């Protein structure tokens, strides 16, 4: 089963490669392809996998994985920077008030 999604993520299917429907076979072992550049794929939950063959890449892409982590947002990072900025602003305002009190005395 070849489609544009596989081509966009994994590239064109090599002429020597045959697409095999793997399904959910836990005993299947993908063979590394020295002619295939390792790709990093992401799923919707933020998991990451390195694929080392076109067949492995196509299988993961059929399962919903992609080369771009679109839709993944690291909210923890934004919360951390937001709280850090709020703390800095709070400290600057408090320090400036205390500095004014010391200067007035």
PDB file of N, CA and C in Angstrom:
ATOM      1  N   UNK A   1       0.849  -1.184   0.000  1.00  0.00           N
ATOM      2  CA  UNK A   1       0.000   0.000   0.000  1.00  0.00           C
ATOM      3  C   UNK A   1       0.886   1.235   0.000  1.00  0.00           C
ATOM      4  N   UNK A   2       0.992   1.875  -1.130  1.00  0.00           N
ATOM      5  CA  UNK A   2       1.837   3.043  -1.261  1.00  0.00           C
ATOM      6  C   UNK A   2       0.952   4.267  -1.426  1.00  0.00           C
ATOM      7  N   UNK A   3       1.293   5.343  -0.745  1.00  0.00           N
ATOM      8  CA  UNK A   3       0.511   6.567  -0.896  1.00  0.00           C
ATOM      9  C   UNK A   3       1.416   7.780  -0.740  1.00  0.00           C
ATOM     10  N   UNK A   4       0.826   8.964  -0.938  1.00  0.00           N
ATOM     11  CA  UNK A   4       1.608  10.204  -0.857  1.00  0.00           C
ATOM     12  C   UNK A   4       2.172  10.433   0.533  1.00  0.00           C
ATOM     13  N   UNK A   5       1.448  10.021   1.567  1.00  0.00           N
ATOM     14  CA  UNK A   5       1.918  10.206   2.933  1.00  0.00           C
ATOM     15  C   UNK A   5       3.237   9.469   3.155  1.00  0.00           C
ATOM     16  N   UNK A   6       3.323   8.253   2.638  1.00  0.00           N
ATOM     17  CA  UNK A   6       4.564   7.478   2.765  1.00  0.00           C
ATOM     18  C   UNK A   6       5.670   8.153   1.966  1.00  0.00           C
ATOM     19  N   UNK A   7       5.364   8.581   0.747  1.00  0.00           N
ATOM     20  CA  UNK A   7       6.376   9.249  -0.081  1.00  0.00           C
ATOM     21  C   UNK A   7       6.858  10.548   0.557  1.00  0.00           C
ATOM     22  N   UNK A   8       5.940  11.309   1.150  1.00  0.00           N
ATOM     23  CA  UNK A   8       6.324  12.573   1.789  1.00  0.00           C
ATOM     24  C   UNK A   8       7.202  12.352   3.016  1.00  0.00           C
ATOM     25  N   UNK A   9       6.964  11.283   3.745  1.00  0.00           N
ATOM     26  CA  UNK A   9       7.714  11.021   4.973  1.00  0.00           C
ATOM     27  C   UNK A   9       8.960  10.174   4.751  1.00  0.00           C
ATOM     28  N   UNK A  10       8.865   9.173   3.894  1.00  0.00           N
ATOM     29  CA  UNK A  10       9.955   8.204   3.741  1.00  0.00           C
ATOM     30  C   UNK A  10      10.719   8.343   2.437  1.00  0.00           C
ATOM     31  N   UNK A  11      10.171   9.084   1.507  1.00  0.00           N
ATOM     32  CA  UNK A  11      10.787   9.178   0.189  1.00  0.00           C
ATOM     33  C   UNK A  11      10.209   8.117  -0.738  1.00  0.00           C
ATOM     34  N   UNK A  12      10.681   8.132  -1.959  1.00  0.00           N
ATOM     35  CA  UNK A  12      10.213   7.171  -2.954  1.00  0.00           C
ATOM     36  C   UNK A  12      10.644   5.765  -2.568  1.00  0.00           C
ATOM     37  N   UNK A  13       9.791   4.810  -2.868  1.00  0.00           N
ATOM     38  CA  UNK A  13      10.108   3.408  -2.577  1.00  0.00           C
ATOM     39  C   UNK A  13      11.254   2.967  -3.476  1.00  0.00           C
ATOM     40  N   UNK A  14      12.324   2.433  -2.873  1.00  0.00           N
ATOM     41  CA  UNK A  14      13.430   1.937  -3.691  1.00  0.00           C
ATOM     42  C   UNK A  14      12.962   0.786  -4.579  1.00  0.00           C
ATOM     43  N   UNK A  15      13.577   0.660  -5.749  1.00  0.00           N
ATOM     44  CA  UNK A  15      13.162  -0.380  -6.699  1.00  0.00           C
ATOM     45  C   UNK A  15      13.388  -1.785  -6.143  1.00  0.00           C
ATOM     46  N   UNK A  16      14.362  -1.938  -5.266  1.00  0.00           N
ATOM     47  CA  UNK A  16      14.670  -3.253  -4.710  1.00  0.00           C
ATOM     48  C   UNK A  16      13.785  -3.596  -3.506  1.00  0.00           C
ATOM     49  N   UNK A  17      12.975  -2.636  -3.057  1.00  0.00           N
ATOM     50  CA  UNK A  17      12.161  -2.835  -1.850  1.00  0.00           C
ATOM     51  C   UNK A  17      10.750  -3.260  -2.218  1.00  0.00           C
ATOM     52  N   UNK A  18      10.261  -4.245  -1.531  1.00  0.00           N
ATOM     53  CA  UNK A  18       8.900  -4.717  -1.703  1.00  0.00           C
ATOM     54  C   UNK A  18       8.117  -4.323  -0.459  1.00  0.00           C
ATOM     55  N   UNK A  19       6.901  -3.799  -0.641  1.00  0.00           N
ATOM     56  CA  UNK A  19       6.095  -3.437   0.528  1.00  0.00           C
ATOM     57  C   UNK A  19       5.410  -4.681   1.061  1.00  0.00           C
ATOM     58  N   UNK A  20       5.633  -4.950   2.332  1.00  0.00           N
ATOM     59  CA  UNK A  20       5.042  -6.101   3.007  1.00  0.00           C
ATOM     60  C   UNK A  20       4.124  -5.574   4.098  1.00  0.00           C
ATOM     61  N   UNK A  21       2.904  -6.073   4.167  1.00  0.00           N
ATOM     62  CA  UNK A  21       1.972  -5.712   5.240  1.00  0.00           C
ATOM     63  C   UNK A  21       2.403  -6.457   6.495  1.00  0.00           C
ATOM     64  N   UNK A  22       2.970  -5.732   7.454  1.00  0.00           N
ATOM     65  CA  UNK A  22       3.487  -6.330   8.686  1.00  0.00           C
ATOM     66  C   UNK A  22       2.355  -6.600   9.667  1.00  0.00           C
ATOM     67  N   UNK A  23       1.430  -5.659   9.774  1.00  0.00           N
ATOM     68  CA  UNK A  23       0.348  -5.788  10.755  1.00  0.00           C
ATOM     69  C   UNK A  23       0.896  -5.606  12.168  1.00  0.00           C
ATOM     70  N   UNK A  24       0.447  -6.397  13.087  1.00  0.00           N
ATOM     71  CA  UNK A  24       0.890  -6.312  14.479  1.00  0.00           C
ATOM     72  C   UNK A  24       1.738  -7.515  14.865  1.00  0.00           C
ATOM     73  N   UNK A  25       2.564  -7.983  13.963  1.00  0.00           N
ATOM     74  CA  UNK A  25       3.409  -9.148  14.220  1.00  0.00           C
ATOM     75  C   UNK A  25       4.550  -8.744  15.152  1.00  0.00           C
ATOM     76  N   UNK A  26       4.519  -9.158  16.430  1.00  0.00           N
ATOM     77  CA  UNK A  26       5.558  -8.762  17.384  1.00  0.00           C
ATOM     78  C   UNK A  26       6.895  -9.452  17.115  1.00  0.00           C
ATOM     79  N   UNK A  27       6.911 -10.484  16.278  1.00  0.00           N
ATOM     80  CA  UNK A  27       8.145 -11.217  15.995  1.00  0.00           C
ATOM     81  C   UNK A  27       8.859 -10.720  14.743  1.00  0.00           C
ATOM     82  N   UNK A  28       8.254  -9.765  14.026  1.00  0.00           N
ATOM     83  CA  UNK A  28       8.878  -9.272  12.806  1.00  0.00           C
ATOM     84  C   UNK A  28      10.063  -8.377  13.163  1.00  0.00           C
ATOM     85  N   UNK A  29      11.189  -8.588  12.492  1.00  0.00           N
ATOM     86  CA  UNK A  29      12.387  -7.780  12.717  1.00  0.00           C
ATOM     87  C   UNK A  29      12.720  -7.058  11.422  1.00  0.00           C
ATOM     88  N   UNK A  30      12.769  -5.727  11.478  1.00  0.00           N
ATOM     89  CA  UNK A  30      13.137  -4.938  10.311  1.00  0.00           C
ATOM     90  C   UNK A  30      14.640  -5.052  10.082  1.00  0.00           C
ATOM     91  N   UNK A  31      15.024  -5.183   8.830  1.00  0.00           N
ATOM     92  CA  UNK A  31      16.441  -5.226   8.469  1.00  0.00           C
ATOM     93  C   UNK A  31      16.918  -3.812   8.158  1.00  0.00           C
ATOM     94  N   UNK A  32      18.088  -3.438   8.676  1.00  0.00           N
ATOM     95  CA  UNK A  32      18.662  -2.136   8.362  1.00  0.00           C
ATOM     96  C   UNK A  32      19.026  -2.084   6.886  1.00  0.00           C
ATOM     97  N   UNK A  33      18.782  -0.943   6.279  1.00  0.00           N
ATOM     98  CA  UNK A  33      19.126  -0.724   4.887  1.00  0.00           C
ATOM     99  C   UNK A  33      20.258   0.303   4.848  1.00  0.00           C
ATOM    100  N   UNK A  34      21.476  -0.106   4.465  1.00  0.00           N
ATOM    101  CA  UNK A  34      22.595   0.842   4.456  1.00  0.00           C
ATOM    102  C   UNK A  34      22.410   1.981   3.455  1.00  0.00           C
ATOM    103  N   UNK A  35      21.519   1.819   2.482  1.00  0.00           N
ATOM    104  CA  UNK A  35      21.258   2.866   1.494  1.00  0.00           C
ATOM    105  C   UNK A  35      20.186   3.854   1.947  1.00  0.00           C
ATOM    106  N   UNK A  36      19.597   3.605   3.123  1.00  0.00           N
ATOM    107  CA  UNK A  36      18.519   4.453   3.637  1.00  0.00           C
ATOM    108  C   UNK A  36      19.065   5.308   4.772  1.00  0.00           C
ATOM    109  N   UNK A  37      18.888   6.620   4.663  1.00  0.00           N
ATOM    110  CA  UNK A  37      19.308   7.520   5.742  1.00  0.00           C
ATOM    111  C   UNK A  37      18.319   7.406   6.900  1.00  0.00           C
ATOM    112  N   UNK A  38      18.838   7.233   8.096  1.00  0.00           N
ATOM    113  CA  UNK A  38      17.990   7.101   9.286  1.00  0.00           C
ATOM    114  C   UNK A  38      17.084   8.316   9.424  1.00  0.00           C
ATOM    115  N   UNK A  39      15.814   8.065   9.681  1.00  0.00           N
ATOM    116  CA  UNK A  39      14.832   9.132   9.890  1.00  0.00           C
ATOM    117  C   UNK A  39      14.290   9.047  11.306  1.00  0.00           C
ATOM    118  N   UNK A  40      13.883  10.184  11.829  1.00  0.00           N
ATOM    119  CA  UNK A  40      13.234  10.249  13.134  1.00  0.00           C
ATOM    120  C   UNK A  40      11.751  10.499  12.888  1.00  0.00           C
ATOM    121  N   UNK A  41      10.916   9.642  13.438  1.00  0.00           N
ATOM    122  CA  UNK A  41       9.471   9.786  13.300  1.00  0.00           C
ATOM    123  C   UNK A  41       8.845  10.062  14.662  1.00  0.00           C
ATOM    124  N   UNK A  42       7.711  10.779  14.647  1.00  0.00           N
ATOM    125  CA  UNK A  42       7.002  11.166  15.860  1.00  0.00           C
ATOM    126  C   UNK A  42       5.561  10.699  15.759  1.00  0.00           C
ATOM    127  N   UNK A  43       4.972  10.343  16.907  1.00  0.00           N
ATOM    128  CA  UNK A  43       3.539  10.056  16.915  1.00  0.00           C
ATOM    129  C   UNK A  43       2.822  11.192  17.640  1.00  0.00           C
ATOM    130  N   UNK A  44       1.497  11.100  17.727  1.00  0.00           N
ATOM    131  CA  UNK A  44       0.716  12.189  18.331  1.00  0.00           C
ATOM    132  C   UNK A  44       0.961  12.363  19.813  1.00  0.00           C
ATOM    133  N   UNK A  45       1.481  11.333  20.479  1.00  0.00           N
ATOM    134  CA  UNK A  45       1.737  11.415  21.916  1.00  0.00           C
ATOM    135  C   UNK A  45       3.138  11.932  22.225  1.00  0.00           C
ATOM    136  N   UNK A  46       3.911  12.240  21.183  1.00  0.00           N
ATOM    137  CA  UNK A  46       5.254  12.758  21.390  1.00  0.00           C
ATOM    138  C   UNK A  46       6.326  11.687  21.453  1.00  0.00           C
ATOM    139  N   UNK A  47       5.973  10.439  21.199  1.00  0.00           N
ATOM    140  CA  UNK A  47       6.974   9.382  21.177  1.00  0.00           C
ATOM    141  C   UNK A  47       7.839   9.523  19.930  1.00  0.00           C
ATOM    142  N   UNK A  48       9.066   9.043  20.031  1.00  0.00           N
ATOM    143  CA  UNK A  48      10.034   9.183  18.945  1.00  0.00           C
ATOM    144  C   UNK A  48      10.582   7.806  18.603  1.00  0.00           C
ATOM    145  N   UNK A  49      10.806   7.573  17.296  1.00  0.00           N
ATOM    146  CA  UNK A  49      11.423   6.330  16.860  1.00  0.00           C
ATOM    147  C   UNK A  49      12.371   6.644  15.696  1.00  0.00           C
ATOM    148  N   UNK A  50      13.516   5.983  15.679  1.00  0.00           N
ATOM    149  CA  UNK A  50      14.447   6.069  14.548  1.00  0.00           C
ATOM    150  C   UNK A  50      14.181   4.887  13.636  1.00  0.00           C
ATOM    151  N   UNK A  51      14.016   5.152  12.347  1.00  0.00           N
ATOM    152  CA  UNK A  51      13.798   4.067  11.390  1.00  0.00           C
ATOM    153  C   UNK A  51      14.993   3.986  10.458  1.00  0.00           C
ATOM    154  N   UNK A  52      15.362   2.752  10.096  1.00  0.00           N
ATOM    155  CA  UNK A  52      16.580   2.524   9.332  1.00  0.00           C
ATOM    156  C   UNK A  52      16.349   1.817   8.010  1.00  0.00           C
ATOM    157  N   UNK A  53      15.102   1.775   7.557  1.00  0.00           N
ATOM    158  CA  UNK A  53      14.808   1.211   6.241  1.00  0.00           C
ATOM    159  C   UNK A  53      13.509   1.823   5.741  1.00  0.00           C
ATOM    160  N   UNK A  54      13.332   1.767   4.421  1.00  0.00           N
ATOM    161  CA  UNK A  54      12.114   2.320   3.845  1.00  0.00           C
ATOM    162  C   UNK A  54      10.899   1.540   4.334  1.00  0.00           C
ATOM    163  N   UNK A  55      10.997   0.228   4.399  1.00  0.00           N
ATOM    164  CA  UNK A  55       9.877  -0.601   4.850  1.00  0.00           C
ATOM    165  C   UNK A  55       9.491  -0.272   6.286  1.00  0.00           C
ATOM    166  N   UNK A  56      10.483  -0.101   7.142  1.00  0.00           N
ATOM    167  CA  UNK A  56      10.207   0.257   8.539  1.00  0.00           C
ATOM    168  C   UNK A  56       9.518   1.617   8.605  1.00  0.00           C
ATOM    169  N   UNK A  57      10.017   2.570   7.828  1.00  0.00           N
ATOM    170  CA  UNK A  57       9.432   3.907   7.797  1.00  0.00           C
ATOM    171  C   UNK A  57       7.991   3.844   7.306  1.00  0.00           C
ATOM    172  N   UNK A  58       7.759   3.120   6.197  1.00  0.00           N
ATOM    173  CA  UNK A  58       6.412   3.021   5.629  1.00  0.00           C
ATOM    174  C   UNK A  58       5.449   2.366   6.613  1.00  0.00           C
ATOM    175  N   UNK A  59       5.915   1.370   7.338  1.00  0.00           N
ATOM    176  CA  UNK A  59       5.070   0.692   8.317  1.00  0.00           C
ATOM    177  C   UNK A  59       4.665   1.650   9.432  1.00  0.00           C
ATOM    178  N   UNK A  60       5.627   2.418   9.948  1.00  0.00           N
ATOM    179  CA  UNK A  60       5.312   3.380  11.010  1.00  0.00           C
ATOM    180  C   UNK A  60       4.391   4.487  10.496  1.00  0.00           C
ATOM    181  N   UNK A  61       4.657   4.991   9.286  1.00  0.00           N
ATOM    182  CA  UNK A  61       3.816   6.060   8.720  1.00  0.00           C
ATOM    183  C   UNK A  61       2.383   5.552   8.549  1.00  0.00           C
ATOM    184  N   UNK A  62       2.218   4.304   8.125  1.00  0.00           N
ATOM    185  CA  UNK A  62       0.868   3.724   8.035  1.00  0.00           C
ATOM    186  C   UNK A  62       0.205   3.655   9.398  1.00  0.00           C
ATOM    187  N   UNK A  63       0.993   3.590  10.455  1.00  0.00           N
ATOM    188  CA  UNK A  63       0.460   3.560  11.818  1.00  0.00           C
ATOM    189  C   UNK A  63       0.226   4.934  12.405  1.00  0.00           C
ATOM    190  N   UNK A  64       0.429   6.003  11.611  1.00  0.00           N
ATOM    191  CA  UNK A  64       0.130   7.353  12.084  1.00  0.00           C
ATOM    192  C   UNK A  64       1.333   8.184  12.463  1.00  0.00           C
ATOM    193  N   UNK A  65       2.547   7.663  12.306  1.00  0.00           N
ATOM    194  CA  UNK A  65       3.752   8.409  12.641  1.00  0.00           C
ATOM    195  C   UNK A  65       4.105   9.363  11.507  1.00  0.00           C
ATOM    196  N   UNK A  66       4.919  10.369  11.804  1.00  0.00           N
ATOM    197  CA  UNK A  66       5.276  11.386  10.818  1.00  0.00           C
ATOM    198  C   UNK A  66       6.671  11.918  11.109  1.00  0.00           C
ATOM    199  N   UNK A  67       7.312  12.516  10.080  1.00  0.00           N
ATOM    200  CA  UNK A  67       8.647  13.088  10.285  1.00  0.00           C
ATOM    201  C   UNK A  67       8.586  14.438  10.991  1.00  0.00           C
ATOM    202  N   UNK A  68       7.412  15.059  11.020  1.00  0.00           N
ATOM    203  CA  UNK A  68       7.297  16.352  11.697  1.00  0.00           C
ATOM    204  C   UNK A  68       6.407  16.219  12.923  1.00  0.00           C
ATOM    205  N   UNK A  69       6.860  16.790  14.020  1.00  0.00           N
ATOM    206  CA  UNK A  69       6.059  16.688  15.256  1.00  0.00           C
ATOM    207  C   UNK A  69       4.952  17.726  15.313  1.00  0.00           C
ATOM    208  N   UNK A  70       4.229  17.936  14.199  1.00  0.00           N
ATOM    209  CA  UNK A  70       3.124  18.899  14.180  1.00  0.00           C
ATOM    210  C   UNK A  70       2.090  18.526  15.228  1.00  0.00           C
ATOM    211  N   UNK A  71       1.561  19.514  15.861  1.00  0.00           N
ATOM    212  CA  UNK A  71       0.542  19.263  16.866  1.00  0.00           C
ATOM    213  C   UNK A  71       1.117  18.977  18.241  1.00  0.00           C
ATOM    214  N   UNK A  72       2.428  18.778  18.295  1.00  0.00           N
ATOM    215  CA  UNK A  72       3.039  18.532  19.595  1.00  0.00           C
ATOM    216  C   UNK A  72       3.500  19.867  20.168  1.00  0.00           C
ATOM    217  N   UNK A  73       3.004  20.204  21.315  1.00  0.00           N
ATOM    218  CA  UNK A  73       3.383  21.454  21.959  1.00  0.00           C
ATOM    219  C   UNK A  73       3.896  21.118  23.349  1.00  0.00           C
ATOM    220  N   UNK A  74       5.057  21.659  23.659  1.00  0.00           N
ATOM    221  CA  UNK A  74       5.643  21.423  24.962  1.00  0.00           C
ATOM    222  C   UNK A  74       5.134  22.497  25.921  1.00  0.00           C
ATOM    223  N   UNK A  75       3.942  22.269  26.473  1.00  0.00           N
ATOM    224  CA  UNK A  75       3.328  23.261  27.357  1.00  0.00           C
ATOM    225  C   UNK A  75       4.136  23.475  28.630  1.00  0.00           C
ATOM    226  N   UNK A  76       4.833  22.452  29.074  1.00  0.00           N
ATOM    227  CA  UNK A  76       5.635  22.612  30.283  1.00  0.00           C
ATOM    228  C   UNK A  76       6.683  23.701  30.115  1.00  0.00           C
ATOM    229  N   UNK A  77       7.256  23.784  28.921  1.00  0.00           N
ATOM    230  CA  UNK A  77       8.263  24.806  28.651  1.00  0.00           C
ATOM    231  C   UNK A  77       7.639  26.195  28.747  1.00  0.00           C
ATOM    232  N   UNK A  78       6.456  26.374  28.165  1.00  0.00           N
ATOM    233  CA  UNK A  78       5.805  27.683  28.212  1.00  0.00           C
ATOM    234  C   UNK A  78       5.392  28.046  29.634  1.00  0.00           C
ATOM    235  N   UNK A  79       4.919  27.096  30.393  1.00  0.00           N
ATOM    236  CA  UNK A  79       4.556  27.355  31.792  1.00  0.00           C
ATOM    237  C   UNK A  79       5.790  27.743  32.592  1.00  0.00           C
ATOM    238  N   UNK A  80       6.899  27.021  32.392  1.00  0.00           N
ATOM    239  CA  UNK A  80       8.138  27.332  33.103  1.00  0.00           C
ATOM    240  C   UNK A  80       8.609  28.753  32.809  1.00  0.00           C
ATOM    241  N   UNK A  81       8.662  29.122  31.521  1.00  0.00           N
ATOM    242  CA  UNK A  81       9.132  30.465  31.171  1.00  0.00           C
ATOM    243  C   UNK A  81       8.155  31.538  31.631  1.00  0.00           C
ATOM    244  N   UNK A  82       6.866  31.252  31.591  1.00  0.00           N
ATOM    245  CA  UNK A  82       5.878  32.213  32.072  1.00  0.00           C
ATOM    246  C   UNK A  82       6.011  32.467  33.568  1.00  0.00           C
ATOM    247  N   UNK A  83       6.159  31.391  34.338  1.00  0.00           N
ATOM    248  CA  UNK A  83       6.326  31.547  35.790  1.00  0.00           C
ATOM    249  C   UNK A  83       7.645  32.225  36.135  1.00  0.00           C
ATOM    250  N   UNK A  84       8.694  31.902  35.391  1.00  0.00           N
ATOM    251  CA  UNK A  84       9.994  32.545  35.628  1.00  0.00           C
ATOM    252  C   UNK A  84       9.897  34.042  35.364  1.00  0.00           C
ATOM    253  N   UNK A  85       9.239  34.411  34.264  1.00  0.00           N
ATOM    254  CA  UNK A  85       9.070  35.827  33.942  1.00  0.00           C
ATOM    255  C   UNK A  85       8.236  36.529  35.013  1.00  0.00           C
ATOM    256  N   UNK A  86       7.163  35.891  35.465  1.00  0.00           N
ATOM    257  CA  UNK A  86       6.326  36.477  36.511  1.00  0.00           C
ATOM    258  C   UNK A  86       7.129  36.674  37.799  1.00  0.00           C
ATOM    259  N   UNK A  87       7.981  35.702  38.147  1.00  0.00           N
ATOM    260  CA  UNK A  87       8.809  35.831  39.349  1.00  0.00           C
ATOM    261  C   UNK A  87       9.801  36.981  39.208  1.00  0.00           C
ATOM    262  N   UNK A  88      10.408  37.124  38.066  1.00  0.00           N
ATOM    263  CA  UNK A  88      11.368  38.220  37.842  1.00  0.00           C
ATOM    264  C   UNK A  88      10.662  39.567  37.949  1.00  0.00           C
ATOM    265  N   UNK A  89       9.488  39.691  37.333  1.00  0.00           N
ATOM    266  CA  UNK A  89       8.734  40.948  37.411  1.00  0.00           C
ATOM    267  C   UNK A  89       8.358  41.251  38.859  1.00  0.00           C
ATOM    268  N   UNK A  90       7.894  40.244  39.595  1.00  0.00           N
ATOM    269  CA  UNK A  90       7.538  40.420  41.002  1.00  0.00           C
ATOM    270  C   UNK A  90       8.746  40.900  41.808  1.00  0.00           C
ATOM    271  N   UNK A  91       9.905  40.262  41.598  1.00  0.00           N
ATOM    272  CA  UNK A  91      11.104  40.650  42.347  1.00  0.00           C
ATOM    273  C   UNK A  91      11.563  42.063  41.996  1.00  0.00           C
ATOM    274  N   UNK A  92      11.490  42.439  40.728  1.00  0.00           N
ATOM    275  CA  UNK A  92      11.897  43.789  40.313  1.00  0.00           C
ATOM    276  C   UNK A  92      10.979  44.826  40.939  1.00  0.00           C
ATOM    277  N   UNK A  93       9.672  44.582  40.911  1.00  0.00           N
ATOM    278  CA  UNK A  93       8.721  45.539  41.498  1.00  0.00           C
ATOM    279  C   UNK A  93       8.943  45.645  43.002  1.00  0.00           C
ATOM    280  N   UNK A  94       9.089  44.527  43.694  1.00  0.00           N
ATOM    281  CA  UNK A  94       9.330  44.554  45.139  1.00  0.00           C
ATOM    282  C   UNK A  94      10.635  45.254  45.470  1.00  0.00           C
ATOM    283  N   UNK A  95      11.680  44.961  44.724  1.00  0.00           N
ATOM    284  CA  UNK A  95      12.976  45.588  44.992  1.00  0.00           C
ATOM    285  C   UNK A  95      12.912  47.090  44.750  1.00  0.00           C
ATOM    286  N   UNK A  96      12.198  47.505  43.688  1.00  0.00           N
ATOM    287  CA  UNK A  96      12.125  48.948  43.410  1.00  0.00           C
ATOM    288  C   UNK A  96      11.334  49.673  44.510  1.00  0.00           C
ATOM    289  N   UNK A  97      10.289  49.032  45.065  1.00  0.00           N
ATOM    290  CA  UNK A  97       9.537  49.649  46.157  1.00  0.00           C
ATOM    291  C   UNK A  97      10.419  49.799  47.388  1.00  0.00           C
ATOM    292  N   UNK A  98      11.186  48.770  47.722  1.00  0.00           N
ATOM    293  CA  UNK A  98      12.067  48.840  48.881  1.00  0.00           C
ATOM    294  C   UNK A  98      13.172  49.864  48.668  1.00  0.00           C
ATOM    295  N   UNK A  99      13.670  49.949  47.436  1.00  0.00           N
ATOM    296  CA  UNK A  99      14.717  50.923  47.123  1.00  0.00           C
ATOM    297  C   UNK A  99      14.188  52.340  47.304  1.00  0.00           C
ATOM    298  N   UNK A 100      12.938  52.600  46.884  1.00  0.00           N
ATOM    299  CA  UNK A 100      12.338  53.920  47.048  1.00  0.00           C
ATOM    300  C   UNK A 100      12.198  54.260  48.541  1.00  0.00           C
ATOM    301  N   UNK A 101      11.797  53.281  49.370  1.00  0.00           N
ATOM    302  CA  UNK A 101      11.659  53.504  50.803  1.00  0.00           C
ATOM    303  C   UNK A 101      13.006  53.857  51.417  1.00  0.00           C
ATOM    304  N   UNK A 102      14.063  53.188  50.993  1.00  0.00           N
ATOM    305  CA  UNK A 102      15.403  53.456  51.537  1.00  0.00           C
ATOM    306  C   UNK A 102      15.898  54.823  51.106  1.00  0.00           C
ATOM    307  N   UNK A 103      15.578  55.234  49.896  1.00  0.00           N
ATOM    308  CA  UNK A 103      16.043  56.542  49.407  1.00  0.00           C
ATOM    309  C   UNK A 103      15.305  57.654  50.103  1.00  0.00           C
ATOM    310  N   UNK A 104      14.002  57.497  50.380  1.00  0.00           N
ATOM    311  CA  UNK A 104      13.191  58.526  51.020  1.00  0.00           C
ATOM    312  C   UNK A 104      13.660  58.733  52.461  1.00  0.00           C
ATOM    313  N   UNK A 105      14.089  57.696  53.162  1.00  0.00           N
ATOM    314  CA  UNK A 105      14.516  57.831  54.555  1.00  0.00           C
ATOM    315  C   UNK A 105      15.776  58.568  54.600  1.00  0.00           C
TER     316      UNK A 105
END
